[in-house]
Amino acid sequence: MKPTYHYTTVLEALNDLKEKGFHYDFNLNHEAITANPNDYAVEHIYRYEGDSDPDEESVVYGIISITGKKGVFVAGFSANSDAEASQILEKLYIENSR
């Protein structure tokens, strides 16, 4: 399944995903994603670009697990952002887009 792209603020993205049933916070338990990345798929991607500061850029992922758990992961989208879970989600997105 190819993810759906949206461009909005982080708060609007989180509210929209919550309305779609994405309640779990994967930022609090990102170890599950890094340990078993193939158990997750990216369904929605919300990207926010800061007007003047590249460090304000971020991406919000709407993720679903193979067990049906829906949640979100918020990651920085600048050169300074190198979190392992964020890199894995980007890889999952690329693999799912093929």
PDB file of N, CA and C in Angstrom:
ATOM      1  N   MET A   1       0.845  -1.181   0.000  1.00  0.00           N
ATOM      2  CA  MET A   1       0.000   0.000   0.000  1.00  0.00           C
ATOM      3  C   MET A   1       0.886   1.239   0.000  1.00  0.00           C
ATOM      4  N   LYS A   2       0.623   2.147  -0.916  1.00  0.00           N
ATOM      5  CA  LYS A   2       1.372   3.393  -0.956  1.00  0.00           C
ATOM      6  C   LYS A   2       0.792   4.357   0.067  1.00  0.00           C
ATOM      7  N   PRO A   3       1.673   5.063   0.797  1.00  0.00           N
ATOM      8  CA  PRO A   3       1.174   6.010   1.787  1.00  0.00           C
ATOM      9  C   PRO A   3       0.554   7.236   1.135  1.00  0.00           C
ATOM     10  N   THR A   4      -0.324   7.883   1.865  1.00  0.00           N
ATOM     11  CA  THR A   4      -0.959   9.114   1.421  1.00  0.00           C
ATOM     12  C   THR A   4      -0.178  10.292   1.989  1.00  0.00           C
ATOM     13  N   TYR A   5       0.155  11.262   1.142  1.00  0.00           N
ATOM     14  CA  TYR A   5       0.886  12.445   1.573  1.00  0.00           C
ATOM     15  C   TYR A   5      -0.062  13.575   1.948  1.00  0.00           C
ATOM     16  N   HIS A   6       0.332  14.333   2.965  1.00  0.00           N
ATOM     17  CA  HIS A   6      -0.392  15.524   3.384  1.00  0.00           C
ATOM     18  C   HIS A   6       0.649  16.575   3.774  1.00  0.00           C
ATOM     19  N   TYR A   7       0.328  17.834   3.604  1.00  0.00           N
ATOM     20  CA  TYR A   7       1.223  18.909   4.009  1.00  0.00           C
ATOM     21  C   TYR A   7       0.460  19.821   4.954  1.00  0.00           C
ATOM     22  N   THR A   8       0.919  19.887   6.194  1.00  0.00           N
ATOM     23  CA  THR A   8       0.201  20.637   7.212  1.00  0.00           C
ATOM     24  C   THR A   8       1.103  20.830   8.419  1.00  0.00           C
ATOM     25  N   THR A   9       0.599  21.481   9.450  1.00  0.00           N
ATOM     26  CA  THR A   9       1.375  21.622  10.678  1.00  0.00           C
ATOM     27  C   THR A   9       1.342  20.311  11.452  1.00  0.00           C
ATOM     28  N   VAL A  10       2.284  20.165  12.377  1.00  0.00           N
ATOM     29  CA  VAL A  10       2.358  18.941  13.180  1.00  0.00           C
ATOM     30  C   VAL A  10       1.086  18.759  13.996  1.00  0.00           C
ATOM     31  N   LEU A  11       0.599  19.814  14.619  1.00  0.00           N
ATOM     32  CA  LEU A  11      -0.612  19.715  15.442  1.00  0.00           C
ATOM     33  C   LEU A  11      -1.816  19.294  14.602  1.00  0.00           C
ATOM     34  N   GLU A  12      -1.977  19.884  13.422  1.00  0.00           N
ATOM     35  CA  GLU A  12      -3.083  19.499  12.545  1.00  0.00           C
ATOM     36  C   GLU A  12      -2.941  18.048  12.098  1.00  0.00           C
ATOM     37  N   ALA A  13      -1.707  17.618  11.832  1.00  0.00           N
ATOM     38  CA  ALA A  13      -1.472  16.231  11.427  1.00  0.00           C
ATOM     39  C   ALA A  13      -1.862  15.270  12.538  1.00  0.00           C
ATOM     40  N   LEU A  14      -1.440  15.574  13.763  1.00  0.00           N
ATOM     41  CA  LEU A  14      -1.767  14.698  14.892  1.00  0.00           C
ATOM     42  C   LEU A  14      -3.273  14.631  15.119  1.00  0.00           C
ATOM     43  N   ASN A  15      -3.940  15.772  15.010  1.00  0.00           N
ATOM     44  CA  ASN A  15      -5.399  15.787  15.184  1.00  0.00           C
ATOM     45  C   ASN A  15      -6.100  14.998  14.082  1.00  0.00           C
ATOM     46  N   ASP A  16      -5.638  15.158  12.846  1.00  0.00           N
ATOM     47  CA  ASP A  16      -6.246  14.440  11.727  1.00  0.00           C
ATOM     48  C   ASP A  16      -6.051  12.930  11.876  1.00  0.00           C
ATOM     49  N   LEU A  17      -4.858  12.522  12.246  1.00  0.00           N
ATOM     50  CA  LEU A  17      -4.596  11.093  12.427  1.00  0.00           C
ATOM     51  C   LEU A  17      -5.395  10.525  13.595  1.00  0.00           C
ATOM     52  N   LYS A  18      -5.555  11.316  14.644  1.00  0.00           N
ATOM     53  CA  LYS A  18      -6.355  10.859  15.788  1.00  0.00           C
ATOM     54  C   LYS A  18      -7.788  10.589  15.345  1.00  0.00           C
ATOM     55  N   GLU A  19      -8.340  11.474  14.500  1.00  0.00           N
ATOM     56  CA  GLU A  19      -9.696  11.273  13.978  1.00  0.00           C
ATOM     57  C   GLU A  19      -9.789  10.008  13.126  1.00  0.00           C
ATOM     58  N   LYS A  20      -8.662   9.590  12.536  1.00  0.00           N
ATOM     59  CA  LYS A  20      -8.633   8.393  11.695  1.00  0.00           C
ATOM     60  C   LYS A  20      -8.294   7.136  12.497  1.00  0.00           C
ATOM     61  N   GLY A  21      -8.192   7.278  13.828  1.00  0.00           N
ATOM     62  CA  GLY A  21      -7.957   6.115  14.679  1.00  0.00           C
ATOM     63  C   GLY A  21      -6.511   5.839  15.029  1.00  0.00           C
ATOM     64  N   PHE A  22      -5.616   6.747  14.707  1.00  0.00           N
ATOM     65  CA  PHE A  22      -4.197   6.583  15.028  1.00  0.00           C
ATOM     66  C   PHE A  22      -3.929   7.208  16.399  1.00  0.00           C
ATOM     67  N   HIS A  23      -4.041   6.390  17.440  1.00  0.00           N
ATOM     68  CA  HIS A  23      -3.951   6.899  18.807  1.00  0.00           C
ATOM     69  C   HIS A  23      -2.631   6.573  19.502  1.00  0.00           C
ATOM     70  N   TYR A  24      -1.987   5.491  19.136  1.00  0.00           N
ATOM     71  CA  TYR A  24      -0.786   5.033  19.835  1.00  0.00           C
ATOM     72  C   TYR A  24       0.402   5.932  19.499  1.00  0.00           C
ATOM     73  N   ASP A  25       1.226   6.243  20.500  1.00  0.00           N
ATOM     74  CA  ASP A  25       2.408   7.082  20.312  1.00  0.00           C
ATOM     75  C   ASP A  25       3.635   6.186  20.149  1.00  0.00           C
ATOM     76  N   PHE A  26       4.055   5.970  18.914  1.00  0.00           N
ATOM     77  CA  PHE A  26       5.216   5.124  18.659  1.00  0.00           C
ATOM     78  C   PHE A  26       6.523   5.788  19.068  1.00  0.00           C
ATOM     79  N   ASN A  27       6.526   7.102  19.313  1.00  0.00           N
ATOM     80  CA  ASN A  27       7.736   7.745  19.815  1.00  0.00           C
ATOM     81  C   ASN A  27       8.099   7.214  21.199  1.00  0.00           C
ATOM     82  N   LEU A  28       7.086   6.823  21.973  1.00  0.00           N
ATOM     83  CA  LEU A  28       7.329   6.304  23.317  1.00  0.00           C
ATOM     84  C   LEU A  28       7.802   4.858  23.296  1.00  0.00           C
ATOM     85  N   ASN A  29       7.583   4.159  22.198  1.00  0.00           N
ATOM     86  CA  ASN A  29       7.961   2.753  22.102  1.00  0.00           C
ATOM     87  C   ASN A  29       8.547   2.455  20.722  1.00  0.00           C
ATOM     88  N   HIS A  30       9.491   3.283  20.299  1.00  0.00           N
ATOM     89  CA  HIS A  30      10.069   3.106  18.968  1.00  0.00           C
ATOM     90  C   HIS A  30      10.939   1.861  18.866  1.00  0.00           C
ATOM     91  N   GLU A  31      11.307   1.270  20.013  1.00  0.00           N
ATOM     92  CA  GLU A  31      12.112   0.049  19.984  1.00  0.00           C
ATOM     93  C   GLU A  31      11.387  -1.079  19.249  1.00  0.00           C
ATOM     94  N   ALA A  32      10.069  -1.106  19.350  1.00  0.00           N
ATOM     95  CA  ALA A  32       9.294  -2.142  18.653  1.00  0.00           C
ATOM     96  C   ALA A  32       9.470  -2.018  17.142  1.00  0.00           C
ATOM     97  N   ILE A  33       9.523  -0.793  16.645  1.00  0.00           N
ATOM     98  CA  ILE A  33       9.704  -0.571  15.208  1.00  0.00           C
ATOM     99  C   ILE A  33      11.116  -0.953  14.790  1.00  0.00           C
ATOM    100  N   THR A  34      12.110  -0.542  15.576  1.00  0.00           N
ATOM    101  CA  THR A  34      13.488  -0.852  15.203  1.00  0.00           C
ATOM    102  C   THR A  34      13.780  -2.345  15.300  1.00  0.00           C
ATOM    103  N   ALA A  35      13.129  -3.047  16.221  1.00  0.00           N
ATOM    104  CA  ALA A  35      13.359  -4.484  16.385  1.00  0.00           C
ATOM    105  C   ALA A  35      12.659  -5.310  15.306  1.00  0.00           C
ATOM    106  N   ASN A  36      11.484  -4.872  14.883  1.00  0.00           N
ATOM    107  CA  ASN A  36      10.678  -5.635  13.918  1.00  0.00           C
ATOM    108  C   ASN A  36      10.091  -4.719  12.845  1.00  0.00           C
ATOM    109  N   PRO A  37      10.913  -4.084  12.036  1.00  0.00           N
ATOM    110  CA  PRO A  37      10.393  -3.099  11.080  1.00  0.00           C
ATOM    111  C   PRO A  37       9.403  -3.661  10.068  1.00  0.00           C
ATOM    112  N   ASN A  38       9.511  -4.923   9.737  1.00  0.00           N
ATOM    113  CA  ASN A  38       8.594  -5.498   8.748  1.00  0.00           C
ATOM    114  C   ASN A  38       7.200  -5.738   9.303  1.00  0.00           C
ATOM    115  N   ASP A  39       7.016  -5.514  10.602  1.00  0.00           N
ATOM    116  CA  ASP A  39       5.698  -5.648  11.223  1.00  0.00           C
ATOM    117  C   ASP A  39       4.886  -4.360  11.127  1.00  0.00           C
ATOM    118  N   TYR A  40       5.430  -3.334  10.454  1.00  0.00           N
ATOM    119  CA  TYR A  40       4.789  -2.021  10.397  1.00  0.00           C
ATOM    120  C   TYR A  40       4.730  -1.508   8.970  1.00  0.00           C
ATOM    121  N   ALA A  41       3.715  -0.705   8.699  1.00  0.00           N
ATOM    122  CA  ALA A  41       3.579  -0.055   7.394  1.00  0.00           C
ATOM    123  C   ALA A  41       3.217   1.405   7.612  1.00  0.00           C
ATOM    124  N   VAL A  42       3.731   2.262   6.754  1.00  0.00           N
ATOM    125  CA  VAL A  42       3.421   3.685   6.793  1.00  0.00           C
ATOM    126  C   VAL A  42       2.203   3.915   5.910  1.00  0.00           C
ATOM    127  N   GLU A  43       1.108   4.409   6.504  1.00  0.00           N
ATOM    128  CA  GLU A  43      -0.119   4.679   5.740  1.00  0.00           C
ATOM    129  C   GLU A  43      -0.269   6.146   5.371  1.00  0.00           C
ATOM    130  N   HIS A  44       0.199   7.032   6.239  1.00  0.00           N
ATOM    131  CA  HIS A  44       0.072   8.473   5.988  1.00  0.00           C
ATOM    132  C   HIS A  44       1.387   9.151   6.327  1.00  0.00           C
ATOM    133  N   ILE A  45       1.716  10.175   5.546  1.00  0.00           N
ATOM    134  CA  ILE A  45       2.884  11.000   5.822  1.00  0.00           C
ATOM    135  C   ILE A  45       2.442  12.454   5.766  1.00  0.00           C
ATOM    136  N   TYR A  46       2.679  13.157   6.860  1.00  0.00           N
ATOM    137  CA  TYR A  46       2.383  14.588   6.944  1.00  0.00           C
ATOM    138  C   TYR A  46       3.720  15.297   7.078  1.00  0.00           C
ATOM    139  N   ARG A  47       3.986  16.200   6.180  1.00  0.00           N
ATOM    140  CA  ARG A  47       5.253  16.914   6.219  1.00  0.00           C
ATOM    141  C   ARG A  47       4.994  18.385   6.499  1.00  0.00           C
ATOM    142  N   TYR A  48       5.788  18.927   7.423  1.00  0.00           N
ATOM    143  CA  TYR A  48       5.702  20.347   7.745  1.00  0.00           C
ATOM    144  C   TYR A  48       7.053  20.971   7.463  1.00  0.00           C
ATOM    145  N   GLU A  49       7.057  22.037   6.697  1.00  0.00           N
ATOM    146  CA  GLU A  49       8.285  22.753   6.391  1.00  0.00           C
ATOM    147  C   GLU A  49       8.228  24.122   7.036  1.00  0.00           C
ATOM    148  N   GLY A  50       9.224  24.412   7.883  1.00  0.00           N
ATOM    149  CA  GLY A  50       9.296  25.716   8.522  1.00  0.00           C
ATOM    150  C   GLY A  50       9.516  26.806   7.490  1.00  0.00           C
ATOM    151  N   ASP A  51       8.940  27.970   7.733  1.00  0.00           N
ATOM    152  CA  ASP A  51       9.040  29.062   6.767  1.00  0.00           C
ATOM    153  C   ASP A  51      10.458  29.587   6.606  1.00  0.00           C
ATOM    154  N   SER A  52      11.202  29.674   7.715  1.00  0.00           N
ATOM    155  CA  SER A  52      12.514  30.288   7.624  1.00  0.00           C
ATOM    156  C   SER A  52      13.638  29.426   8.181  1.00  0.00           C
ATOM    157  N   ASP A  53      13.337  28.484   9.046  1.00  0.00           N
ATOM    158  CA  ASP A  53      14.364  27.701   9.716  1.00  0.00           C
ATOM    159  C   ASP A  53      14.237  26.230   9.335  1.00  0.00           C
ATOM    160  N   PRO A  54      15.240  25.672   8.641  1.00  0.00           N
ATOM    161  CA  PRO A  54      15.166  24.254   8.258  1.00  0.00           C
ATOM    162  C   PRO A  54      15.035  23.313   9.450  1.00  0.00           C
ATOM    163  N   ASP A  55      15.492  23.730  10.624  1.00  0.00           N
ATOM    164  CA  ASP A  55      15.369  22.889  11.815  1.00  0.00           C
ATOM    165  C   ASP A  55      13.925  22.742  12.271  1.00  0.00           C
ATOM    166  N   GLU A  56      13.017  23.561  11.733  1.00  0.00           N
ATOM    167  CA  GLU A  56      11.601  23.458  12.083  1.00  0.00           C
ATOM    168  C   GLU A  56      10.883  22.403  11.244  1.00  0.00           C
ATOM    169  N   GLU A  57      11.555  21.839  10.263  1.00  0.00           N
ATOM    170  CA  GLU A  57      10.923  20.843   9.411  1.00  0.00           C
ATOM    171  C   GLU A  57      10.709  19.551  10.186  1.00  0.00           C
ATOM    172  N   SER A  58       9.573  18.934   9.958  1.00  0.00           N
ATOM    173  CA  SER A  58       9.280  17.668  10.627  1.00  0.00           C
ATOM    174  C   SER A  58       8.348  16.842   9.761  1.00  0.00           C
ATOM    175  N   VAL A  59       8.262  15.569  10.117  1.00  0.00           N
ATOM    176  CA  VAL A  59       7.370  14.664   9.405  1.00  0.00           C
ATOM    177  C   VAL A  59       6.626  13.839  10.441  1.00  0.00           C
ATOM    178  N   VAL A  60       5.332  13.653  10.196  1.00  0.00           N
ATOM    179  CA  VAL A  60       4.486  12.847  11.075  1.00  0.00           C
ATOM    180  C   VAL A  60       4.042  11.632  10.266  1.00  0.00           C
ATOM    181  N   TYR A  61       4.363  10.457  10.776  1.00  0.00           N
ATOM    182  CA  TYR A  61       3.984   9.209  10.115  1.00  0.00           C
ATOM    183  C   TYR A  61       2.745   8.623  10.770  1.00  0.00           C
ATOM    184  N   GLY A  62       1.781   8.214   9.978  1.00  0.00           N
ATOM    185  CA  GLY A  62       0.657   7.411  10.443  1.00  0.00           C
ATOM    186  C   GLY A  62       1.004   5.961  10.159  1.00  0.00           C
ATOM    187  N   ILE A  63       1.179   5.175  11.221  1.00  0.00           N
ATOM    188  CA  ILE A  63       1.711   3.817  11.107  1.00  0.00           C
ATOM    189  C   ILE A  63       0.668   2.808  11.548  1.00  0.00           C
ATOM    190  N   ILE A  64       0.666   1.656  10.889  1.00  0.00           N
ATOM    191  CA  ILE A  64      -0.193   0.554  11.314  1.00  0.00           C
ATOM    192  C   ILE A  64       0.666  -0.701  11.414  1.00  0.00           C
ATOM    193  N   SER A  65       0.436  -1.464  12.482  1.00  0.00           N
ATOM    194  CA  SER A  65       1.188  -2.705  12.677  1.00  0.00           C
ATOM    195  C   SER A  65       0.433  -3.871  12.050  1.00  0.00           C
ATOM    196  N   ILE A  66       1.097  -5.011  11.935  1.00  0.00           N
ATOM    197  CA  ILE A  66       0.432  -6.184  11.366  1.00  0.00           C
ATOM    198  C   ILE A  66      -0.682  -6.685  12.275  1.00  0.00           C
ATOM    199  N   THR A  67      -0.663  -6.264  13.542  1.00  0.00           N
ATOM    200  CA  THR A  67      -1.739  -6.644  14.464  1.00  0.00           C
ATOM    201  C   THR A  67      -2.885  -5.645  14.444  1.00  0.00           C
ATOM    202  N   GLY A  68      -2.754  -4.570  13.635  1.00  0.00           N
ATOM    203  CA  GLY A  68      -3.819  -3.581  13.517  1.00  0.00           C
ATOM    204  C   GLY A  68      -3.674  -2.374  14.420  1.00  0.00           C
ATOM    205  N   LYS A  69      -2.593  -2.295  15.190  1.00  0.00           N
ATOM    206  CA  LYS A  69      -2.386  -1.135  16.069  1.00  0.00           C
ATOM    207  C   LYS A  69      -2.028   0.070  15.211  1.00  0.00           C
ATOM    208  N   LYS A  70      -2.812   1.151  15.370  1.00  0.00           N
ATOM    209  CA  LYS A  70      -2.580   2.378  14.620  1.00  0.00           C
ATOM    210  C   LYS A  70      -1.965   3.419  15.541  1.00  0.00           C
ATOM    211  N   GLY A  71      -0.930   4.084  15.040  1.00  0.00           N
ATOM    212  CA  GLY A  71      -0.282   5.096  15.850  1.00  0.00           C
ATOM    213  C   GLY A  71       0.491   6.083  15.007  1.00  0.00           C
ATOM    214  N   VAL A  72       1.176   6.976  15.702  1.00  0.00           N
ATOM    215  CA  VAL A  72       1.927   8.042  15.045  1.00  0.00           C
ATOM    216  C   VAL A  72       3.381   8.025  15.497  1.00  0.00           C
ATOM    217  N   PHE A  73       4.233   8.550  14.637  1.00  0.00           N
ATOM    218  CA  PHE A  73       5.632   8.776  14.967  1.00  0.00           C
ATOM    219  C   PHE A  73       5.991  10.132  14.392  1.00  0.00           C
ATOM    220  N   VAL A  74       6.503  11.026  15.237  1.00  0.00           N
ATOM    221  CA  VAL A  74       6.891  12.369  14.816  1.00  0.00           C
ATOM    222  C   VAL A  74       8.415  12.418  14.783  1.00  0.00           C
ATOM    223  N   ALA A  75       8.965  12.858  13.648  1.00  0.00           N
ATOM    224  CA  ALA A  75      10.416  12.916  13.496  1.00  0.00           C
ATOM    225  C   ALA A  75      10.827  14.249  12.907  1.00  0.00           C
ATOM    226  N   GLY A  76      12.009  14.706  13.320  1.00  0.00           N
ATOM    227  CA  GLY A  76      12.598  15.873  12.684  1.00  0.00           C
ATOM    228  C   GLY A  76      12.957  15.503  11.261  1.00  0.00           C
ATOM    229  N   PHE A  77      13.019  16.478  10.392  1.00  0.00           N
ATOM    230  CA  PHE A  77      13.270  16.195   8.982  1.00  0.00           C
ATOM    231  C   PHE A  77      14.446  17.013   8.480  1.00  0.00           C
ATOM    232  N   SER A  78      15.383  17.310   9.379  1.00  0.00           N
ATOM    233  CA  SER A  78      16.538  18.107   8.994  1.00  0.00           C
ATOM    234  C   SER A  78      17.778  17.224   8.980  1.00  0.00           C
ATOM    235  N   ALA A  79      18.891  17.801   8.580  1.00  0.00           N
ATOM    236  CA  ALA A  79      20.147  17.054   8.546  1.00  0.00           C
ATOM    237  C   ALA A  79      20.563  16.610   9.943  1.00  0.00           C
ATOM    238  N   ASN A  80      20.073  17.291  10.962  1.00  0.00           N
ATOM    239  CA  ASN A  80      20.418  16.950  12.341  1.00  0.00           C
ATOM    240  C   ASN A  80      19.615  15.772  12.870  1.00  0.00           C
ATOM    241  N   SER A  81      18.640  15.301  12.140  1.00  0.00           N
ATOM    242  CA  SER A  81      17.762  14.235  12.604  1.00  0.00           C
ATOM    243  C   SER A  81      18.248  12.892  12.078  1.00  0.00           C
ATOM    244  N   ASP A  82      18.744  12.043  12.995  1.00  0.00           N
ATOM    245  CA  ASP A  82      19.257  10.752  12.551  1.00  0.00           C
ATOM    246  C   ASP A  82      18.802   9.628  13.468  1.00  0.00           C
ATOM    247  N   ALA A  83      17.629   9.756  14.035  1.00  0.00           N
ATOM    248  CA  ALA A  83      17.108   8.721  14.923  1.00  0.00           C
ATOM    249  C   ALA A  83      16.915   7.424  14.142  1.00  0.00           C
ATOM    250  N   GLU A  84      17.277   6.309  14.770  1.00  0.00           N
ATOM    251  CA  GLU A  84      17.196   5.008  14.106  1.00  0.00           C
ATOM    252  C   GLU A  84      15.775   4.684  13.649  1.00  0.00           C
ATOM    253  N   ALA A  85      14.788   4.919  14.499  1.00  0.00           N
ATOM    254  CA  ALA A  85      13.405   4.618  14.129  1.00  0.00           C
ATOM    255  C   ALA A  85      12.972   5.458  12.932  1.00  0.00           C
ATOM    256  N   SER A  86      13.374   6.715  12.904  1.00  0.00           N
ATOM    257  CA  SER A  86      13.021   7.589  11.789  1.00  0.00           C
ATOM    258  C   SER A  86      13.625   7.072  10.486  1.00  0.00           C
ATOM    259  N   GLN A  87      14.860   6.602  10.539  1.00  0.00           N
ATOM    260  CA  GLN A  87      15.505   6.055   9.347  1.00  0.00           C
ATOM    261  C   GLN A  87      14.803   4.788   8.877  1.00  0.00           C
ATOM    262  N   ILE A  88      14.385   3.958   9.817  1.00  0.00           N
ATOM    263  CA  ILE A  88      13.680   2.727   9.458  1.00  0.00           C
ATOM    264  C   ILE A  88      12.336   3.046   8.815  1.00  0.00           C
ATOM    265  N   LEU A  89      11.620   4.037   9.358  1.00  0.00           N
ATOM    266  CA  LEU A  89      10.330   4.419   8.775  1.00  0.00           C
ATOM    267  C   LEU A  89      10.507   4.941   7.357  1.00  0.00           C
ATOM    268  N   GLU A  90      11.551   5.704   7.131  1.00  0.00           N
ATOM    269  CA  GLU A  90      11.815   6.196   5.781  1.00  0.00           C
ATOM    270  C   GLU A  90      12.082   5.019   4.842  1.00  0.00           C
ATOM    271  N   LYS A  91      12.834   4.031   5.318  1.00  0.00           N
ATOM    272  CA  LYS A  91      13.107   2.835   4.513  1.00  0.00           C
ATOM    273  C   LYS A  91      11.814   2.069   4.237  1.00  0.00           C
ATOM    274  N   LEU A  92      10.956   1.926   5.254  1.00  0.00           N
ATOM    275  CA  LEU A  92       9.674   1.249   5.058  1.00  0.00           C
ATOM    276  C   LEU A  92       8.835   1.972   4.017  1.00  0.00           C
ATOM    277  N   TYR A  93       8.824   3.291   4.092  1.00  0.00           N
ATOM    278  CA  TYR A  93       8.065   4.082   3.121  1.00  0.00           C
ATOM    279  C   TYR A  93       8.565   3.798   1.704  1.00  0.00           C
ATOM    280  N   ILE A  94       9.886   3.802   1.528  1.00  0.00           N
ATOM    281  CA  ILE A  94      10.463   3.582   0.202  1.00  0.00           C
ATOM    282  C   ILE A  94      10.120   2.185  -0.302  1.00  0.00           C
ATOM    283  N   GLU A  95      10.243   1.179   0.569  1.00  0.00           N
ATOM    284  CA  GLU A  95       9.939  -0.193   0.161  1.00  0.00           C
ATOM    285  C   GLU A  95       8.463  -0.363  -0.178  1.00  0.00           C
ATOM    286  N   ASN A  96       7.580   0.286   0.571  1.00  0.00           N
ATOM    287  CA  ASN A  96       6.140   0.168   0.324  1.00  0.00           C
ATOM    288  C   ASN A  96       5.697   0.935  -0.911  1.00  0.00           C
ATOM    289  N   SER A  97       6.516   1.855  -1.380  1.00  0.00           N
ATOM    290  CA  SER A  97       6.164   2.669  -2.545  1.00  0.00           C
ATOM    291  C   SER A  97       6.459   1.954  -3.856  1.00  0.00           C
ATOM    292  N   ARG A  98       7.172   0.871  -3.784  1.00  0.00           N
ATOM    293  CA  ARG A  98       7.555   0.144  -5.012  1.00  0.00           C
ATOM    294  C   ARG A  98       6.433  -0.684  -5.537  1.00  0.00           C
TER     295      ARG A  98
END
